[in-house]
Amino acid sequence: MNKINKHVNIAIVGLGQIGNYLYNELKLKSKEIKKKTGKKIKIVAISAKNKNKKRKFSIDKKIFYSDPLKIFKKEKVDILFEIIGLSDGISKKIVETALKNKINVITPNKALIAKHGDYLSKIAEKNNVSLEFEAAVAGGIPILRTIKDGLATNNIKKVYGILNGTTNYILTEMENTNQTFEKVLKKAQKLGYAEPGNPILDLNGFDAFAKVRILSALAFNNQISKHKCIMEGIENIDLKDIKIASQLNLRIKLLGISEIINNCLFETVHPSLVNKSSYIGNVNGVMNAVITQGKPVGESVLQGEGAGAGPTSSSLLSDLLSILRDNINKPFGIPFNKRKKLKLFNSNYYTNSLYLRFEVKDKSGVLSLITNRLAKYKISIKRIIQTPDKINKKATIVIITHKTTEINAKRCLSIFKVNKNFLKFPTLIRLYN
């Protein structure tokens, strides 16, 4: 193990909202960090695209590097924070170079870890340094350390929850204000909960899915899955769906789910209808919640703010203190060569009850067409709600089904793409079991 010296040199690469906030926190809390670890920290290098960009907290331009790779040639660095956020390119190059130079790395970069975590963890283990990424999943919630340490001897079979604060805020706000998806998204961007430019990676489920893959690797001691799985976001959730769900005492949440089914790995992210009285149904706003199920501990729940500079910096500093206390751990809890490759559960056989919303022409025979089609694929109906719009000669038909498989639902709905009596392709939302 590489022991950390009493004087610790730190580099920060990436000075966006999170990087700049962290830079300020390190300066403000250096005495507190020394008191808790016995180590004196010093920021010796910082790097970003723009040296003169207006930032919330002023930076020391004397230690600024336009090219972050030059830091390795000119400075002795013990710990490097990578906060650029790309899955490849300079983010990967910086982390890879640091680890090969026996420099400990801390990052909140879930895209990088989900894609290259196995490769980077092997380099960290080979060089006896830490690769810490607590902030990559659920912001300030210490879920990764809880799984790695607190639940280390438990046999975990399932991890699920709300893993994206942006989408959770949008769904909550749509319900509370009766405003459309587009209006609430603009509000989220103004408040800093959604990317001002292109927030698609939050909205389409990619962000949550990257976190699911990291959680799987830690919970089940497997190598990071590369399989294509069900990944759906909230872009197609209409205010109409929010209102109908509410009438049914249900609420829509974007859930990330990872579990072991028949010794196979199943991972998914999709909108889910949950009961309003359930725990997960009452995690609102920008909050995240992660629930683990295992033996002997049973169900464990962690909840907190999942996004923003403050919560993310909290986890980054937690990783820093862990390294300063000489806790040089395996990035995924156990050595890379002990982590298994799990077979993929065939998502065609994933079963749920379904909420199906059809927008149709208000004419005879349309409802029977739907029910006959469902019957053909052995999808039984639990409830039907019809709302006619006589003025426009349209109707909304909502059907709640009993449990069926993904493959049955997909085959059943395919015909509605081409039938002229259907004004749009049906909306499908799964009821979370």
Protein backbone atom coordinates (compact mmCIF):
# COMPACT_ATOMS: atom_id res chain seq x y z
CA MET A 1 0.00 0.00 0.00
CA ASN A 2 1.24 3.50 -0.86
CA LYS A 3 1.06 5.51 2.36
CA ILE A 4 -0.01 9.14 2.02
CA ASN A 5 2.57 11.69 3.23
CA LYS A 6 1.79 14.35 5.84
CA HIS A 7 1.84 17.01 3.11
CA VAL A 8 -0.54 16.20 0.26
CA ASN A 9 -0.52 17.89 -3.14
CA ILE A 10 -3.85 18.07 -4.97
CA ALA A 11 -4.75 18.81 -8.59
CA ILE A 12 -8.25 19.61 -9.87
CA VAL A 13 -9.02 19.11 -13.56
CA GLY A 14 -12.37 20.62 -14.53
CA LEU A 15 -13.62 23.88 -13.00
CA GLY A 16 -17.29 23.88 -13.92
CA GLN A 17 -19.99 24.29 -11.30
CA ILE A 18 -18.84 21.25 -9.28
CA GLY A 19 -15.09 21.70 -9.77
CA ASN A 20 -15.17 25.36 -8.79
CA TYR A 21 -17.32 24.61 -5.71
CA LEU A 22 -14.93 21.82 -4.67
CA TYR A 23 -11.92 24.12 -5.14
CA ASN A 24 -13.48 26.60 -2.72
CA GLU A 25 -14.46 23.88 -0.23
CA LEU A 26 -10.89 22.52 -0.13
CA LYS A 27 -9.56 25.99 0.65
CA LEU A 28 -12.18 26.66 3.33
CA LYS A 29 -11.91 23.26 5.00
CA SER A 30 -8.17 22.61 4.88
CA LYS A 31 -7.81 23.09 8.67
CA GLU A 32 -10.76 20.80 9.38
CA ILE A 33 -9.30 18.17 7.03
CA LYS A 34 -5.94 18.37 8.85
CA LYS A 35 -7.68 18.00 12.21
CA LYS A 36 -9.53 14.88 11.04
CA THR A 37 -6.71 13.18 9.11
CA GLY A 38 -3.42 14.68 10.31
CA LYS A 39 -2.63 15.59 6.69
CA LYS A 40 -2.02 19.08 5.31
CA ILE A 41 -3.47 19.56 1.81
CA LYS A 42 -2.28 22.00 -0.81
CA ILE A 43 -3.84 22.66 -4.23
CA VAL A 44 -0.84 22.78 -6.56
CA ALA A 45 -2.58 22.67 -9.97
CA ILE A 46 -5.94 23.44 -11.54
CA SER A 47 -7.06 23.11 -15.13
CA ALA A 48 -10.05 23.96 -17.30
CA LYS A 49 -10.84 25.06 -20.85
CA ASN A 50 -11.06 28.76 -20.02
CA LYS A 51 -8.71 30.47 -17.58
CA ASN A 52 -10.66 33.75 -17.59
CA LYS A 53 -14.21 32.40 -17.40
CA LYS A 54 -16.37 34.15 -14.80
CA ARG A 55 -16.76 31.72 -11.88
CA LYS A 56 -18.68 31.85 -8.62
CA PHE A 57 -15.44 31.44 -6.63
CA SER A 58 -12.18 33.09 -7.72
CA ILE A 59 -9.27 30.82 -8.63
CA ASP A 60 -5.50 31.13 -8.29
CA LYS A 61 -4.38 31.72 -11.88
CA LYS A 62 -0.73 31.13 -10.93
CA ILE A 63 -1.39 27.39 -10.69
CA PHE A 64 -3.64 27.21 -13.78
CA TYR A 65 -2.76 24.81 -16.61
CA SER A 66 -4.46 25.13 -20.00
CA ASP A 67 -3.19 21.65 -20.87
CA PRO A 68 -3.94 19.32 -17.93
CA LEU A 69 -1.45 16.71 -19.16
CA LYS A 70 1.40 19.15 -18.44
CA ILE A 71 0.56 18.92 -14.73
CA PHE A 72 2.17 15.46 -14.59
CA LYS A 73 5.46 16.79 -15.97
CA LYS A 74 5.71 19.89 -13.78
CA GLU A 75 4.05 19.07 -10.45
CA LYS A 76 4.30 16.37 -7.83
CA VAL A 77 0.67 15.36 -7.31
CA ASP A 78 -0.63 12.87 -4.73
CA ILE A 79 -4.37 13.11 -5.42
CA LEU A 80 -6.12 14.24 -8.61
CA PHE A 81 -9.78 15.18 -8.97
CA GLU A 82 -11.15 14.60 -12.50
CA ILE A 83 -14.33 16.66 -12.89
CA ILE A 84 -14.56 17.12 -16.66
CA GLY A 85 -17.32 14.54 -17.04
CA LEU A 86 -16.66 12.92 -20.43
CA SER A 87 -16.82 9.15 -20.90
CA ASP A 88 -13.78 9.20 -23.18
CA GLY A 89 -11.24 11.70 -24.54
CA ILE A 90 -9.40 13.92 -22.09
CA SER A 91 -11.32 12.58 -19.07
CA LYS A 92 -10.15 9.02 -19.68
CA LYS A 93 -6.63 10.16 -20.61
CA ILE A 94 -6.24 12.21 -17.42
CA VAL A 95 -7.43 9.41 -15.11
CA GLU A 96 -5.41 6.75 -16.91
CA THR A 97 -2.22 8.86 -16.83
CA ALA A 98 -2.66 9.73 -13.15
CA LEU A 99 -3.16 6.10 -12.08
CA LYS A 100 -0.14 4.95 -14.12
CA ASN A 101 1.90 7.64 -12.35
CA LYS A 102 0.78 6.24 -8.96
CA ILE A 103 -1.52 9.20 -8.28
CA ASN A 104 -4.78 8.58 -6.42
CA VAL A 105 -7.86 9.65 -8.41
CA ILE A 106 -11.27 10.88 -7.25
CA THR A 107 -14.05 11.49 -9.79
CA PRO A 108 -17.83 12.03 -9.93
CA ASN A 109 -17.77 10.91 -13.58
CA LYS A 110 -20.40 8.15 -13.83
CA ALA A 111 -20.15 7.95 -17.65
CA LEU A 112 -16.41 7.25 -17.44
CA ILE A 113 -16.73 4.65 -14.68
CA ALA A 114 -19.70 2.88 -16.30
CA LYS A 115 -17.76 2.57 -19.58
CA HIS A 116 -14.13 2.15 -18.48
CA GLY A 117 -14.33 1.35 -14.76
CA ASP A 118 -13.02 -2.21 -15.13
CA TYR A 119 -10.00 -1.13 -17.16
CA LEU A 120 -9.18 1.80 -14.85
CA SER A 121 -9.64 -0.29 -11.70
CA LYS A 122 -7.05 -2.79 -12.98
CA ILE A 123 -4.54 0.06 -13.41
CA ALA A 124 -5.30 1.39 -9.91
CA GLU A 125 -4.87 -2.06 -8.35
CA LYS A 126 -1.62 -2.67 -10.25
CA ASN A 127 -0.18 0.64 -8.98
CA ASN A 128 -1.55 0.35 -5.44
CA VAL A 129 -3.49 3.60 -5.59
CA SER A 130 -7.13 4.53 -5.09
CA LEU A 131 -9.76 5.18 -7.73
CA GLU A 132 -12.72 6.62 -5.81
CA PHE A 133 -16.08 7.53 -7.38
CA GLU A 134 -18.65 7.82 -4.58
CA ALA A 135 -20.01 11.02 -6.14
CA ALA A 136 -20.77 9.22 -9.42
CA VAL A 137 -23.98 7.73 -8.02
CA ALA A 138 -26.73 9.63 -6.19
CA GLY A 139 -24.77 12.80 -5.41
CA GLY A 140 -24.31 13.21 -1.66
CA ILE A 141 -25.79 9.82 -0.67
CA PRO A 142 -22.94 7.50 0.48
CA ILE A 143 -24.43 4.48 -1.28
CA LEU A 144 -21.25 3.06 -2.82
CA ARG A 145 -19.33 3.07 0.45
CA THR A 146 -22.37 1.59 2.19
CA ILE A 147 -22.37 -1.33 -0.27
CA LYS A 148 -18.57 -1.73 -0.24
CA ASP A 149 -18.14 -1.51 3.54
CA GLY A 150 -21.35 -1.37 5.57
CA LEU A 151 -23.08 -4.17 3.64
CA ALA A 152 -19.89 -6.00 2.60
CA THR A 153 -20.88 -9.38 4.09
CA ASN A 154 -24.49 -9.25 2.89
CA ASN A 155 -25.75 -11.25 -0.06
CA ILE A 156 -27.42 -8.46 -2.06
CA LYS A 157 -29.94 -9.57 -4.68
CA LYS A 158 -31.49 -6.26 -5.69
CA VAL A 159 -30.70 -2.54 -5.83
CA TYR A 160 -33.23 -0.04 -7.13
CA GLY A 161 -34.42 3.51 -6.70
CA ILE A 162 -34.64 7.04 -8.01
CA LEU A 163 -31.19 7.85 -9.36
CA ASN A 164 -31.71 11.10 -11.25
CA GLY A 165 -32.73 14.32 -9.50
CA THR A 166 -33.53 16.19 -12.73
CA THR A 167 -36.22 13.77 -13.88
CA ASN A 168 -37.62 13.39 -10.38
CA TYR A 169 -37.97 17.16 -10.07
CA ILE A 170 -39.72 17.40 -13.46
CA LEU A 171 -42.23 14.64 -12.69
CA THR A 172 -42.94 16.07 -9.22
CA GLU A 173 -43.38 19.60 -10.55
CA MET A 174 -45.68 18.50 -13.37
CA GLU A 175 -47.95 16.85 -10.81
CA ASN A 176 -47.86 19.77 -8.37
CA THR A 177 -48.34 22.61 -10.87
CA ASN A 178 -50.31 21.01 -13.74
CA GLN A 179 -47.71 22.41 -16.13
CA THR A 180 -46.48 20.64 -19.26
CA PHE A 181 -43.20 18.78 -19.56
CA GLU A 182 -41.72 21.57 -21.73
CA LYS A 183 -42.58 24.34 -19.22
CA VAL A 184 -41.26 22.41 -16.23
CA LEU A 185 -38.05 21.51 -18.10
CA LYS A 186 -37.38 25.23 -18.71
CA LYS A 187 -37.94 25.89 -15.00
CA ALA A 188 -35.52 23.07 -14.08
CA GLN A 189 -32.89 24.59 -16.40
CA LYS A 190 -33.30 28.05 -14.81
CA LEU A 191 -32.88 26.55 -11.34
CA GLY A 192 -29.76 24.63 -12.37
CA TYR A 193 -31.39 21.18 -11.97
CA ALA A 194 -31.11 20.47 -15.71
CA GLU A 195 -28.34 21.24 -18.18
CA PRO A 196 -29.05 24.64 -19.80
CA GLY A 197 -27.96 23.44 -23.24
CA ASN A 198 -28.87 19.83 -23.93
CA PRO A 199 -30.24 17.86 -20.96
CA ILE A 200 -30.97 14.75 -23.04
CA LEU A 201 -28.70 12.40 -21.02
CA ASP A 202 -30.82 13.05 -17.93
CA LEU A 203 -34.15 12.90 -19.75
CA ASN A 204 -33.55 9.76 -21.83
CA GLY A 205 -32.41 7.60 -18.90
CA PHE A 206 -28.72 7.40 -19.86
CA ASP A 207 -27.50 9.12 -16.69
CA ALA A 208 -29.52 6.80 -14.43
CA PHE A 209 -28.48 3.75 -16.44
CA ALA A 210 -24.76 4.50 -16.02
CA LYS A 211 -25.39 4.60 -12.26
CA VAL A 212 -27.30 1.30 -12.40
CA ARG A 213 -24.28 -0.37 -14.01
CA ILE A 214 -21.94 0.93 -11.29
CA LEU A 215 -24.33 -0.20 -8.55
CA SER A 216 -24.59 -3.66 -10.12
CA ALA A 217 -20.82 -4.09 -10.21
CA LEU A 218 -20.51 -3.21 -6.52
CA ALA A 219 -23.61 -5.02 -5.23
CA PHE A 220 -23.09 -8.28 -7.12
CA ASN A 221 -19.25 -8.35 -7.43
CA ASN A 222 -19.49 -8.58 -11.20
CA GLN A 223 -17.61 -6.88 -14.00
CA ILE A 224 -19.47 -3.91 -15.48
CA SER A 225 -22.16 -5.10 -17.85
CA LYS A 226 -21.96 -4.03 -21.50
CA HIS A 227 -25.27 -5.62 -22.53
CA LYS A 228 -28.00 -3.65 -24.24
CA CYS A 229 -30.96 -3.44 -21.85
CA ILE A 230 -34.28 -1.63 -21.48
CA MET A 231 -33.50 2.08 -21.13
CA GLU A 232 -36.35 4.56 -21.34
CA GLY A 233 -36.57 8.15 -20.14
CA ILE A 234 -39.37 10.58 -19.41
CA GLU A 235 -39.47 12.55 -22.70
CA ASN A 236 -42.77 10.94 -23.70
CA ILE A 237 -44.55 11.37 -20.36
CA ASP A 238 -47.49 13.68 -20.92
CA LEU A 239 -49.29 15.81 -18.33
CA LYS A 240 -52.33 13.68 -19.18
CA ASP A 241 -50.50 10.58 -17.87
CA ILE A 242 -49.61 12.39 -14.63
CA LYS A 243 -53.28 13.35 -14.08
CA ILE A 244 -54.67 9.90 -14.88
CA ALA A 245 -52.08 8.26 -12.63
CA SER A 246 -53.10 10.57 -9.79
CA GLN A 247 -56.75 9.59 -10.21
CA LEU A 248 -55.66 5.95 -9.85
CA ASN A 249 -53.75 6.81 -6.63
CA LEU A 250 -50.49 6.25 -8.53
CA ARG A 251 -47.45 8.40 -9.27
CA ILE A 252 -44.87 8.21 -12.07
CA LYS A 253 -41.21 7.82 -11.10
CA LEU A 254 -38.15 7.08 -13.23
CA LEU A 255 -36.67 3.99 -11.58
CA GLY A 256 -33.28 2.36 -12.03
CA ILE A 257 -33.40 -1.35 -11.20
CA SER A 258 -30.69 -3.97 -10.95
CA GLU A 259 -31.31 -7.48 -9.68
CA ILE A 260 -30.28 -11.10 -9.90
CA ILE A 261 -33.00 -13.26 -11.49
CA ASN A 262 -32.29 -17.00 -11.87
CA ASN A 263 -28.56 -16.31 -11.39
CA CYS A 264 -28.64 -13.82 -14.28
CA LEU A 265 -28.16 -10.04 -14.20
CA PHE A 266 -31.11 -7.84 -15.02
CA GLU A 267 -30.65 -4.06 -15.35
CA THR A 268 -33.16 -1.47 -16.51
CA VAL A 269 -34.20 2.17 -16.31
CA HIS A 270 -37.78 3.14 -17.15
CA PRO A 271 -40.71 5.24 -15.93
CA SER A 272 -42.78 3.30 -13.40
CA LEU A 273 -46.19 3.77 -11.83
CA VAL A 274 -45.89 3.39 -8.07
CA ASN A 275 -48.49 3.65 -5.33
CA LYS A 276 -48.82 7.12 -3.78
CA SER A 277 -48.66 5.57 -0.31
CA SER A 278 -45.40 3.69 -1.01
CA TYR A 279 -42.03 4.90 0.23
CA ILE A 280 -40.61 5.37 -3.28
CA GLY A 281 -43.78 7.20 -4.31
CA ASN A 282 -43.02 9.91 -1.76
CA VAL A 283 -39.43 10.66 -2.76
CA ASN A 284 -40.05 13.97 -4.51
CA GLY A 285 -38.28 16.99 -6.02
CA VAL A 286 -34.54 16.64 -6.65
CA MET A 287 -34.24 13.89 -4.04
CA ASN A 288 -32.73 10.50 -4.84
CA ALA A 289 -33.31 7.26 -2.97
CA VAL A 290 -31.49 3.94 -3.23
CA ILE A 291 -32.91 0.73 -1.76
CA THR A 292 -30.93 -2.50 -1.36
CA GLN A 293 -32.39 -5.92 -0.62
CA GLY A 294 -30.13 -8.59 0.81
CA LYS A 295 -29.45 -11.13 3.53
CA PRO A 296 -29.16 -11.00 6.47
CA VAL A 297 -29.84 -7.24 6.72
CA GLY A 298 -33.07 -7.22 4.66
CA GLU A 299 -34.03 -3.89 3.11
CA SER A 300 -31.81 -0.81 3.52
CA VAL A 301 -32.78 2.68 2.35
CA LEU A 302 -30.62 5.74 1.72
CA GLN A 303 -32.16 9.04 0.64
CA GLY A 304 -30.80 12.51 -0.03
CA GLU A 305 -30.09 15.14 -2.65
CA GLY A 306 -28.74 13.48 -5.73
CA ALA A 307 -27.48 16.41 -7.74
CA GLY A 308 -25.85 19.81 -7.45
CA ALA A 309 -22.45 21.13 -6.48
CA GLY A 310 -23.00 20.87 -2.70
CA PRO A 311 -24.07 17.21 -2.44
CA THR A 312 -21.54 16.12 -5.08
CA SER A 313 -18.69 17.93 -3.29
CA SER A 314 -19.75 16.27 -0.04
CA SER A 315 -19.09 12.85 -1.61
CA LEU A 316 -15.84 14.03 -3.25
CA LEU A 317 -14.55 15.21 0.13
CA SER A 318 -15.63 11.92 1.72
CA ASP A 319 -13.46 10.10 -0.83
CA LEU A 320 -10.60 12.49 -0.12
CA LEU A 321 -10.71 11.83 3.63
CA SER A 322 -10.80 8.08 3.00
CA ILE A 323 -7.56 8.32 0.98
CA LEU A 324 -5.93 10.68 3.49
CA ARG A 325 -6.61 8.09 6.19
CA ASP A 326 -4.65 5.59 4.07
CA ASN A 327 -7.71 3.57 3.11
CA ILE A 328 -6.36 2.49 -0.27
CA ASN A 329 -9.18 0.15 -1.30
CA LYS A 330 -9.97 -1.89 -4.37
CA PRO A 331 -12.19 0.39 -6.50
CA PHE A 332 -15.03 -2.16 -6.63
CA GLY A 333 -14.48 -3.69 -3.20
CA ILE A 334 -12.73 -6.87 -4.34
CA PRO A 335 -9.83 -7.49 -6.79
CA PHE A 336 -10.68 -7.32 -10.48
CA ASN A 337 -9.77 -10.99 -11.09
CA LYS A 338 -12.26 -12.08 -8.41
CA ARG A 339 -15.15 -10.21 -10.04
CA LYS A 340 -17.33 -12.47 -12.17
CA LYS A 341 -19.07 -12.04 -15.50
CA LEU A 342 -22.79 -12.59 -15.05
CA LYS A 343 -25.08 -13.88 -17.75
CA LEU A 344 -27.76 -11.47 -18.91
CA PHE A 345 -31.40 -12.10 -17.97
CA ASN A 346 -33.47 -12.03 -21.15
CA SER A 347 -35.50 -8.82 -20.82
CA ASN A 348 -38.17 -10.26 -23.15
CA TYR A 349 -39.39 -12.17 -20.08
CA TYR A 350 -39.43 -9.19 -17.72
CA THR A 351 -43.03 -9.08 -16.39
CA ASN A 352 -45.16 -6.15 -15.26
CA SER A 353 -48.70 -4.96 -15.22
CA LEU A 354 -49.01 -2.19 -17.83
CA TYR A 355 -50.64 1.20 -18.15
CA LEU A 356 -51.57 1.68 -21.83
CA ARG A 357 -52.94 4.98 -23.12
CA PHE A 358 -54.50 5.03 -26.59
CA GLU A 359 -55.44 8.25 -28.41
CA VAL A 360 -58.02 7.19 -30.99
CA LYS A 361 -60.75 8.36 -33.34
CA ASP A 362 -64.08 8.21 -31.51
CA LYS A 363 -65.84 5.60 -33.62
CA SER A 364 -67.36 2.19 -33.11
CA GLY A 365 -65.13 -0.87 -33.28
CA VAL A 366 -61.93 0.81 -32.01
CA LEU A 367 -62.20 -0.44 -28.43
CA SER A 368 -63.00 -3.99 -29.57
CA LEU A 369 -59.94 -3.84 -31.87
CA ILE A 370 -57.78 -3.04 -28.83
CA THR A 371 -59.30 -5.67 -26.55
CA ASN A 372 -59.16 -8.37 -29.24
CA ARG A 373 -55.52 -7.57 -29.91
CA LEU A 374 -54.69 -7.79 -26.19
CA ALA A 375 -56.54 -11.10 -25.92
CA LYS A 376 -54.59 -12.51 -28.87
CA TYR A 377 -51.38 -12.00 -26.91
CA LYS A 378 -52.89 -13.30 -23.65
CA ILE A 379 -52.79 -9.86 -22.01
CA SER A 380 -55.73 -9.71 -19.62
CA ILE A 381 -57.42 -6.43 -18.72
CA LYS A 382 -57.77 -5.26 -15.14
CA ARG A 383 -59.36 -1.86 -15.76
CA ILE A 384 -60.56 0.37 -18.63
CA ILE A 385 -61.06 4.15 -18.51
CA GLN A 386 -62.65 5.90 -21.53
CA THR A 387 -62.68 9.68 -21.91
CA PRO A 388 -64.48 10.85 -25.06
CA ASP A 389 -63.83 14.22 -26.73
CA LYS A 390 -67.08 14.60 -28.71
CA ILE A 391 -66.22 18.02 -30.15
CA ASN A 392 -63.03 16.77 -31.81
CA LYS A 393 -64.39 13.25 -32.42
CA LYS A 394 -61.52 11.73 -30.45
CA ALA A 395 -61.20 9.61 -27.33
CA THR A 396 -58.61 8.64 -24.76
CA ILE A 397 -58.68 4.99 -23.71
CA VAL A 398 -56.57 3.91 -20.75
CA ILE A 399 -56.16 0.21 -19.99
CA ILE A 400 -54.49 -1.28 -16.92
CA THR A 401 -53.45 -4.88 -17.57
CA HIS A 402 -52.56 -7.84 -15.42
CA LYS A 403 -48.93 -8.95 -15.58
CA THR A 404 -47.47 -9.76 -18.97
CA THR A 405 -44.04 -10.11 -20.54
CA GLU A 406 -42.11 -7.46 -22.48
CA ILE A 407 -42.15 -9.56 -25.64
CA ASN A 408 -45.94 -9.98 -25.52
CA ALA A 409 -46.47 -6.25 -25.01
CA LYS A 410 -44.08 -5.36 -27.85
CA ARG A 411 -45.71 -7.74 -30.32
CA CYS A 412 -49.21 -6.72 -29.28
CA LEU A 413 -48.65 -2.98 -29.69
CA SER A 414 -46.80 -3.20 -33.02
CA ILE A 415 -50.02 -3.16 -35.08
CA PHE A 416 -51.05 0.25 -33.72
CA LYS A 417 -48.17 1.94 -35.58
CA VAL A 418 -49.98 1.56 -38.87
CA ASN A 419 -53.69 1.69 -38.00
CA LYS A 420 -55.30 4.98 -39.09
CA ASN A 421 -57.81 4.93 -36.21
CA PHE A 422 -54.94 5.49 -33.76
CA LEU A 423 -53.76 9.11 -33.61
CA LYS A 424 -50.38 8.26 -32.06
CA PHE A 425 -48.48 5.20 -30.92
CA PRO A 426 -49.79 4.02 -27.52
CA THR A 427 -48.08 5.25 -24.36
CA LEU A 428 -46.80 2.37 -22.22
CA ILE A 429 -45.80 2.78 -18.57
CA ARG A 430 -44.97 -0.21 -16.41
CA LEU A 431 -46.52 -0.62 -12.96
CA TYR A 432 -43.70 -1.31 -10.55
CA ASN A 433 -44.30 -4.60 -8.78
